[in-house]
Amino acid sequence: MTKRSSTELYVGALVWLLSVVIAFVFWVNGDSDIALALTPASGATAAALFLLYLAGYLMTFGKPGGEQGGRRHVTGLAIAAFAAGVLSAAFFVYGMIGCMFMMLVVQLPALVNQKQAMAIAVLIPAVFVSLDYVSTGEFLFANIALFGVVNILALTISYRAIAEQAAKRQSEQLVRELRATQMLLSATTKRDERLRIARNLHDILGHQLTALNLQLEVAIHVPDDQKHEHIANARRIGTNLLSNVRDTVSEFRGEKDLGLGQALGALVEDIPNLDVNLNIDWDESLVNERHAEVILRCAQEALTNTMKHSDADRCEISVSSDDQDLTLTVIDDGSVDGKIEPGNGLSGITERVEDIGGRLRYGACGTGFCLQVALPIGDD
């Protein structure tokens, strides 16, 4: 799949307009290479074919930034090719509208492999120059060579643009994944540091305060009436301090700020040509580090599959929890044709989920492709 740019649309429309003007100017001036006479009927038919070509060409775009390779794109390409073919076979020599065919040739990478595209790029001018020879009696081999080379050049530029576009999308996705991973790692590191401090408080201050409390308990029994009240107060203070330390330790241990929500937010941020809606409704205190990592990686892989293999415009990602499971659901509106064969991405998700006893379901649904991961919640 490749993205179409609005610049390509405007340039193509300009090329179409110039082709129309050039063809009709030569026709009006009585060019000898045009066998068909200009009449109101033939002029209206040619104009209708030019408009039909434009309609088909616009259909291949759908909308600025849309995907190539969908049904709309194939239908539009077929309509435009039909109109251009009739114009060249019945009205004008190939050289007058050859650029209109070139506009269609550059779209072949979305439909066929590179060798087939190159063969078609050379075959088109060869076929229509041969048809011109039937009507005009002049075989213009130079047109075959010129337009064949120009078509191949246009294809080469198209393939390079596709490769650069794919590399850019991949680098953007890697940056989002790295940012999400950094956030999750940072949150986990902070939590580990809190646990370390909590252990130190308990092992050092807690032990010392306990010893102090025991010593003061002994000191209470010393027969010194003047110090009895102060020592008793000290004992109560020590007891309170010990209780506070224990409360602090419990508070540190109870915090589960894993940062998964922020990591998921970074993962879906600014994805081009895909509207992602993230909904998180869960009790994060029930989630451990393994849950967080699996959820993040599964969401990451599901998004990658959507961008690579689907023509989806929207994607819904939700994370929820109940008493038993932590659930990730990913739904897009892309088309799903036939049985889904799991590749490396889905296989990797399956391994991650099954490794911690979770469940995975995926397949076509009413709006496109659906994936659901359920991880059992329990104490590790």
Protein backbone atom coordinates (compact mmCIF):
# COMPACT_ATOMS: atom_id res chain seq x y z
CA MET A 1 0.00 0.00 0.00
CA THR A 2 1.20 3.50 -0.85
CA LYS A 3 -0.17 6.91 -0.07
CA ARG A 4 -1.33 9.35 -2.75
CA SER A 5 -0.37 13.01 -2.42
CA SER A 6 -2.48 16.04 -3.33
CA THR A 7 0.47 17.38 -5.38
CA GLU A 8 0.28 14.31 -7.64
CA LEU A 9 -3.44 14.95 -8.08
CA TYR A 10 -2.94 18.58 -9.17
CA VAL A 11 -0.04 17.80 -11.51
CA GLY A 12 -2.02 14.97 -13.10
CA ALA A 13 -5.01 17.27 -13.62
CA LEU A 14 -2.72 19.82 -15.30
CA VAL A 15 -1.25 17.14 -17.61
CA TRP A 16 -4.78 16.04 -18.51
CA LEU A 17 -5.79 19.62 -19.33
CA LEU A 18 -2.73 20.17 -21.53
CA SER A 19 -3.43 16.88 -23.35
CA VAL A 20 -7.00 17.97 -24.04
CA VAL A 21 -5.93 21.38 -25.33
CA ILE A 22 -3.15 20.00 -27.55
CA ALA A 23 -5.37 17.27 -29.02
CA PHE A 24 -8.23 19.61 -29.88
CA VAL A 25 -5.94 22.33 -31.24
CA PHE A 26 -4.38 19.87 -33.69
CA TRP A 27 -7.81 18.47 -34.52
CA VAL A 28 -9.30 21.90 -35.20
CA ASN A 29 -6.31 22.81 -37.38
CA GLY A 30 -6.86 19.69 -39.48
CA ASP A 31 -3.76 17.69 -38.55
CA SER A 32 -3.24 14.99 -41.16
CA ASP A 33 -2.36 12.36 -38.54
CA ILE A 34 -5.94 12.47 -37.18
CA ALA A 35 -8.00 10.29 -39.49
CA LEU A 36 -11.42 11.05 -37.97
CA ALA A 37 -13.07 14.26 -39.13
CA LEU A 38 -14.07 16.84 -36.54
CA THR A 39 -17.87 17.03 -36.33
CA PRO A 40 -20.20 18.01 -33.49
CA ALA A 41 -20.82 14.33 -32.77
CA SER A 42 -17.16 13.25 -32.89
CA GLY A 43 -16.08 16.34 -30.91
CA ALA A 44 -18.70 15.68 -28.21
CA THR A 45 -17.71 12.00 -28.03
CA ALA A 46 -14.03 12.85 -27.66
CA ALA A 47 -14.83 15.44 -24.98
CA ALA A 48 -16.95 12.88 -23.12
CA LEU A 49 -14.07 10.38 -23.23
CA PHE A 50 -11.65 12.98 -21.88
CA LEU A 51 -14.06 13.72 -19.02
CA LEU A 52 -14.52 10.00 -18.40
CA TYR A 53 -10.74 9.65 -18.15
CA LEU A 54 -10.60 12.51 -15.65
CA ALA A 55 -13.37 10.95 -13.56
CA GLY A 56 -11.54 7.63 -13.48
CA TYR A 57 -8.26 9.33 -12.61
CA LEU A 58 -9.88 11.20 -9.72
CA MET A 59 -11.40 7.93 -8.48
CA THR A 60 -7.92 6.46 -8.10
CA PHE A 61 -7.23 9.05 -5.41
CA GLY A 62 -10.45 8.80 -3.43
CA LYS A 63 -9.25 11.52 -1.08
CA PRO A 64 -5.90 13.30 -0.60
CA GLY A 65 -3.56 10.99 1.30
CA GLY A 66 -5.67 7.93 0.55
CA GLU A 67 -4.36 4.43 -0.05
CA GLN A 68 -3.62 2.93 -3.46
CA GLY A 69 -4.63 -0.61 -4.28
CA GLY A 70 -8.25 -0.59 -3.06
CA ARG A 71 -11.32 -1.43 -5.14
CA ARG A 72 -12.02 2.23 -5.84
CA HIS A 73 -8.49 2.72 -7.13
CA VAL A 74 -8.66 -0.33 -9.43
CA THR A 75 -12.07 0.70 -10.79
CA GLY A 76 -10.90 4.25 -11.47
CA LEU A 77 -7.75 3.01 -13.18
CA ALA A 78 -9.79 0.70 -15.44
CA ILE A 79 -12.15 3.52 -16.41
CA ALA A 80 -9.29 5.91 -17.19
CA ALA A 81 -7.41 3.25 -19.19
CA PHE A 82 -10.55 2.47 -21.21
CA ALA A 83 -11.15 6.15 -22.04
CA ALA A 84 -7.52 6.76 -23.01
CA GLY A 85 -7.47 3.59 -25.10
CA VAL A 86 -10.55 4.59 -27.11
CA LEU A 87 -9.19 8.11 -27.60
CA SER A 88 -5.91 6.76 -28.96
CA ALA A 89 -7.44 3.99 -31.08
CA ALA A 90 -10.33 5.93 -32.63
CA PHE A 91 -9.49 9.64 -32.44
CA PHE A 92 -5.90 10.77 -31.91
CA VAL A 93 -2.44 9.38 -32.50
CA TYR A 94 -0.70 8.02 -29.42
CA GLY A 95 1.78 10.89 -29.22
CA MET A 96 -0.99 13.41 -28.48
CA ILE A 97 -2.24 11.64 -25.37
CA GLY A 98 0.76 9.52 -24.42
CA CYS A 99 1.23 11.53 -21.21
CA MET A 100 -2.26 10.48 -20.11
CA PHE A 101 -1.13 6.85 -20.30
CA MET A 102 2.02 7.74 -18.36
CA MET A 103 -0.21 9.06 -15.54
CA LEU A 104 -1.71 5.57 -15.37
CA VAL A 105 1.60 3.75 -15.70
CA VAL A 106 3.01 5.35 -12.52
CA GLN A 107 0.15 3.73 -10.59
CA LEU A 108 1.06 0.19 -11.66
CA PRO A 109 3.32 -0.50 -8.60
CA ALA A 110 0.15 -0.70 -6.48
CA LEU A 111 -1.24 -3.50 -8.65
CA VAL A 112 1.54 -5.60 -10.23
CA ASN A 113 5.16 -6.50 -9.55
CA GLN A 114 8.08 -4.51 -10.92
CA LYS A 115 8.85 -6.70 -13.95
CA GLN A 116 5.20 -6.71 -15.03
CA ALA A 117 4.99 -2.95 -14.59
CA MET A 118 8.08 -2.40 -16.76
CA ALA A 119 6.69 -4.70 -19.48
CA ILE A 120 3.35 -2.88 -19.50
CA ALA A 121 5.13 0.48 -19.64
CA VAL A 122 6.81 -0.51 -22.93
CA LEU A 123 3.88 -2.51 -24.29
CA ILE A 124 1.38 0.37 -24.13
CA PRO A 125 3.17 2.67 -26.62
CA ALA A 126 4.01 -0.33 -28.85
CA VAL A 127 0.34 -1.37 -29.09
CA PHE A 128 -1.07 2.06 -29.76
CA VAL A 129 1.65 3.13 -32.18
CA SER A 130 0.81 -0.07 -34.10
CA LEU A 131 -2.86 0.96 -34.12
CA ASP A 132 -1.82 4.39 -35.41
CA TYR A 133 0.01 2.64 -38.23
CA VAL A 134 -3.23 0.92 -39.28
CA SER A 135 -5.06 4.23 -39.55
CA THR A 136 -2.28 6.55 -40.76
CA GLY A 137 0.06 4.17 -42.58
CA GLU A 138 3.04 5.56 -40.66
CA PHE A 139 4.87 3.45 -38.09
CA LEU A 140 6.52 5.81 -35.59
CA PHE A 141 9.10 3.62 -33.88
CA ALA A 142 10.56 6.76 -32.30
CA ASN A 143 7.32 7.17 -30.32
CA ILE A 144 7.64 3.63 -28.97
CA ALA A 145 11.22 4.26 -27.88
CA LEU A 146 10.53 7.75 -26.47
CA PHE A 147 7.34 6.98 -24.56
CA GLY A 148 8.63 3.58 -23.48
CA VAL A 149 11.73 5.16 -21.92
CA VAL A 150 9.68 7.97 -20.37
CA ASN A 151 7.24 5.44 -18.88
CA ILE A 152 10.11 3.40 -17.42
CA LEU A 153 11.66 6.57 -15.99
CA ALA A 154 8.32 7.51 -14.42
CA LEU A 155 8.02 4.01 -12.95
CA THR A 156 11.54 4.18 -11.54
CA ILE A 157 10.75 7.49 -9.83
CA SER A 158 7.48 6.04 -8.55
CA TYR A 159 9.24 3.01 -7.04
CA ARG A 160 11.82 5.25 -5.40
CA ALA A 161 9.09 7.46 -3.93
CA ILE A 162 7.29 4.37 -2.62
CA ALA A 163 10.48 3.08 -1.00
CA GLU A 164 11.20 6.45 0.62
CA GLN A 165 7.62 6.69 1.84
CA ALA A 166 7.77 3.20 3.33
CA ALA A 167 11.10 3.98 5.03
CA LYS A 168 9.66 7.19 6.46
CA ARG A 169 6.58 5.43 7.82
CA GLN A 170 8.74 2.70 9.33
CA SER A 171 11.05 5.21 11.01
CA GLU A 172 8.07 7.16 12.38
CA GLN A 173 6.58 3.95 13.75
CA LEU A 174 9.90 2.97 15.33
CA VAL A 175 10.13 6.39 16.99
CA ARG A 176 6.63 5.99 18.44
CA GLU A 177 7.43 2.49 19.68
CA LEU A 178 10.71 3.64 21.20
CA ARG A 179 9.00 6.56 22.96
CA ALA A 180 6.34 4.22 24.36
CA THR A 181 8.97 1.73 25.52
CA GLN A 182 11.01 4.48 27.16
CA MET A 183 7.96 5.69 29.08
CA LEU A 184 7.15 2.18 30.30
CA LEU A 185 10.78 1.53 31.25
CA SER A 186 11.06 4.88 33.02
CA ALA A 187 7.92 4.22 35.05
CA THR A 188 9.13 0.71 35.95
CA THR A 189 12.53 2.07 36.99
CA LYS A 190 10.90 4.66 39.24
CA ARG A 191 8.75 1.99 40.84
CA ASP A 192 11.78 -0.23 41.45
CA GLU A 193 13.57 2.71 43.05
CA ARG A 194 10.63 3.34 45.36
CA LEU A 195 10.65 -0.31 46.38
CA ARG A 196 14.38 -0.13 47.09
CA ILE A 197 13.90 2.95 49.29
CA ALA A 198 10.97 1.28 51.02
CA ARG A 199 13.08 -1.78 51.81
CA ASN A 200 15.87 0.41 53.16
CA LEU A 201 13.45 2.29 55.37
CA HIS A 202 12.06 -0.93 56.70
CA ASP A 203 15.39 -2.72 57.15
CA ILE A 204 17.32 0.20 58.66
CA LEU A 205 15.02 2.74 60.30
CA GLY A 206 12.38 0.18 61.17
CA HIS A 207 14.92 -2.09 62.87
CA GLN A 208 16.50 0.82 64.75
CA LEU A 209 13.20 2.16 65.97
CA THR A 210 12.16 -1.30 67.13
CA ALA A 211 15.39 -1.61 69.09
CA LEU A 212 14.84 1.87 70.56
CA ASN A 213 11.35 0.90 71.63
CA LEU A 214 12.63 -2.22 73.37
CA GLN A 215 15.36 -0.28 75.17
CA LEU A 216 12.89 2.33 76.37
CA GLU A 217 10.60 -0.46 77.55
CA VAL A 218 13.43 -1.70 79.74
CA ALA A 219 14.26 1.83 80.90
CA ILE A 220 10.70 2.26 82.17
CA HIS A 221 11.37 -0.30 84.85
CA VAL A 222 14.42 1.57 86.15
CA PRO A 223 13.51 2.97 89.60
CA ASP A 224 13.87 6.64 88.77
CA ASP A 225 10.55 8.47 89.28
CA GLN A 226 11.83 11.71 87.74
CA LYS A 227 12.56 10.11 84.39
CA HIS A 228 9.56 7.84 84.18
CA GLU A 229 7.19 10.24 82.43
CA HIS A 230 9.78 11.36 79.87
CA ILE A 231 10.77 7.81 79.07
CA ALA A 232 7.13 6.84 78.61
CA ASN A 233 6.66 9.74 76.21
CA ALA A 234 9.76 8.68 74.32
CA ARG A 235 8.36 5.18 74.06
CA ARG A 236 5.11 6.49 72.59
CA ILE A 237 7.05 8.66 70.13
CA GLY A 238 9.16 5.68 69.08
CA THR A 239 6.03 3.59 68.61
CA ASN A 240 4.48 6.32 66.47
CA LEU A 241 7.62 6.64 64.40
CA LEU A 242 7.69 2.89 63.79
CA SER A 243 4.05 2.97 62.78
CA ASN A 244 4.75 5.85 60.38
CA VAL A 245 7.65 3.98 58.78
CA ARG A 246 5.47 0.94 58.26
CA ASP A 247 2.73 3.10 56.75
CA THR A 248 5.27 4.68 54.40
CA VAL A 249 6.53 1.27 53.33
CA SER A 250 2.98 0.08 52.70
CA GLU A 251 2.26 3.21 50.67
CA PHE A 252 5.35 2.70 48.52
CA ARG A 253 4.52 -0.93 47.93
CA GLY A 254 0.92 -0.13 47.07
CA GLU A 255 1.74 2.31 44.28
CA LYS A 256 1.50 0.71 40.86
CA ASP A 257 2.31 3.66 38.63
CA LEU A 258 3.53 1.60 35.67
CA GLY A 259 3.02 4.43 33.14
CA LEU A 260 1.26 2.10 30.67
CA GLY A 261 -1.41 4.69 29.90
CA GLN A 262 1.24 7.25 28.93
CA ALA A 263 3.14 4.64 26.93
CA LEU A 264 0.02 3.71 24.94
CA GLY A 265 -0.69 7.40 24.39
CA ALA A 266 2.79 7.90 22.95
CA LEU A 267 2.36 4.81 20.75
CA VAL A 268 -0.77 6.14 19.00
CA GLU A 269 0.28 9.78 18.80
CA ASP A 270 0.37 11.46 15.35
CA ILE A 271 -0.03 8.34 13.19
CA PRO A 272 -0.43 9.60 9.60
CA ASN A 273 -3.70 8.77 7.77
CA LEU A 274 -5.04 6.71 10.69
CA ASP A 275 -7.41 8.13 13.30
CA VAL A 276 -6.74 6.20 16.53
CA ASN A 277 -9.10 6.45 19.50
CA LEU A 278 -7.56 5.24 22.77
CA ASN A 279 -9.87 4.37 25.69
CA ILE A 280 -8.41 3.19 29.02
CA ASP A 281 -10.76 2.12 31.82
CA TRP A 282 -8.96 -0.13 34.30
CA ASP A 283 -7.63 -0.57 37.81
CA GLU A 284 -3.88 -0.15 37.30
CA SER A 285 -3.15 -1.35 40.82
CA LEU A 286 -4.08 -4.87 39.64
CA VAL A 287 -1.53 -4.82 36.82
CA ASN A 288 2.08 -5.95 37.11
CA GLU A 289 5.09 -5.29 34.86
CA ARG A 290 4.53 -8.39 32.71
CA HIS A 291 0.92 -7.41 32.04
CA ALA A 292 2.02 -3.90 31.08
CA GLU A 293 4.70 -5.12 28.68
CA VAL A 294 2.44 -7.66 26.96
CA ILE A 295 -0.38 -5.14 26.53
CA LEU A 296 2.01 -2.55 25.08
CA ARG A 297 3.66 -5.02 22.67
CA CYS A 298 0.33 -6.46 21.52
CA ALA A 299 -1.08 -2.97 20.87
CA GLN A 300 2.12 -2.04 19.07
CA GLU A 301 1.99 -5.10 16.79
CA ALA A 302 -1.72 -4.68 16.11
CA LEU A 303 -1.18 -1.07 15.02
CA THR A 304 1.72 -2.09 12.80
CA ASN A 305 -0.45 -4.73 11.09
CA THR A 306 -3.23 -2.20 10.57
CA MET A 307 -0.89 0.30 8.92
CA LYS A 308 0.89 -2.30 6.76
CA HIS A 309 -1.88 -4.65 5.68
CA SER A 310 -5.14 -2.71 5.96
CA ASP A 311 -6.75 0.23 4.20
CA ALA A 312 -8.31 1.34 7.49
CA ASP A 313 -9.01 5.00 8.27
CA ARG A 314 -9.97 4.49 11.94
CA CYS A 315 -8.77 2.27 14.76
CA GLU A 316 -10.25 1.83 18.24
CA ILE A 317 -7.97 0.65 21.07
CA SER A 318 -9.43 -0.02 24.50
CA VAL A 319 -7.93 -1.41 27.70
CA SER A 320 -10.27 -2.52 30.50
CA SER A 321 -10.20 -4.73 33.56
CA ASP A 322 -12.55 -6.67 35.79
CA ASP A 323 -12.04 -9.04 38.73
CA GLN A 324 -10.52 -11.72 36.52
CA ASP A 325 -8.97 -10.29 33.34
CA LEU A 326 -7.10 -7.37 31.89
CA THR A 327 -8.43 -6.97 28.32
CA LEU A 328 -6.98 -5.24 25.26
CA THR A 329 -9.29 -4.75 22.26
CA VAL A 330 -8.17 -3.38 18.88
CA ILE A 331 -10.76 -2.79 16.12
CA ASP A 332 -10.15 -1.12 12.74
CA ASP A 333 -12.43 -0.38 9.79
CA GLY A 334 -10.21 -1.92 7.12
CA SER A 335 -11.46 -4.50 4.64
CA VAL A 336 -10.79 -8.17 5.43
CA ASP A 337 -10.84 -10.60 2.50
CA GLY A 338 -10.95 -14.34 3.13
CA LYS A 339 -9.27 -16.32 5.88
CA ILE A 340 -6.58 -14.54 7.89
CA GLU A 341 -3.24 -16.33 7.83
CA PRO A 342 -1.16 -15.35 10.86
CA GLY A 343 2.25 -13.92 10.00
CA ASN A 344 5.18 -13.09 12.24
CA GLY A 345 3.24 -10.29 13.95
CA LEU A 346 0.20 -12.33 15.01
CA SER A 347 2.44 -15.29 15.87
CA GLY A 348 4.51 -13.06 18.14
CA ILE A 349 1.37 -11.74 19.85
CA THR A 350 0.15 -15.32 20.35
CA GLU A 351 3.43 -16.35 21.99
CA ARG A 352 3.48 -13.35 24.34
CA VAL A 353 -0.12 -13.89 25.44
CA GLU A 354 0.12 -17.65 25.92
CA ASP A 355 3.39 -17.27 27.83
CA ILE A 356 1.52 -15.67 30.75
CA GLY A 357 -1.61 -17.80 30.43
CA GLY A 358 -3.67 -15.30 28.46
CA ARG A 359 -6.19 -15.75 25.65
CA LEU A 360 -6.11 -14.28 22.13
CA ARG A 361 -8.90 -13.92 19.59
CA TYR A 362 -8.75 -12.22 16.19
CA GLY A 363 -10.59 -12.16 12.89
CA ALA A 364 -13.01 -10.24 10.72
CA CYS A 365 -15.82 -8.37 12.44
CA GLY A 366 -18.60 -6.06 11.37
CA THR A 367 -16.35 -3.02 10.97
CA GLY A 368 -13.12 -4.64 9.79
CA PHE A 369 -10.44 -6.52 11.73
CA CYS A 370 -10.75 -7.22 15.45
CA LEU A 371 -8.15 -8.42 17.96
CA GLN A 372 -8.77 -9.12 21.64
CA VAL A 373 -6.23 -10.09 24.29
CA ALA A 374 -7.34 -11.20 27.77
CA LEU A 375 -4.71 -11.58 30.49
CA PRO A 376 -5.57 -13.20 33.83
CA ILE A 377 -5.13 -10.87 36.82
CA GLY A 378 -3.48 -12.42 39.83
CA ASP A 379 -0.66 -12.00 42.31
CA ASP A 380 2.81 -12.85 41.01
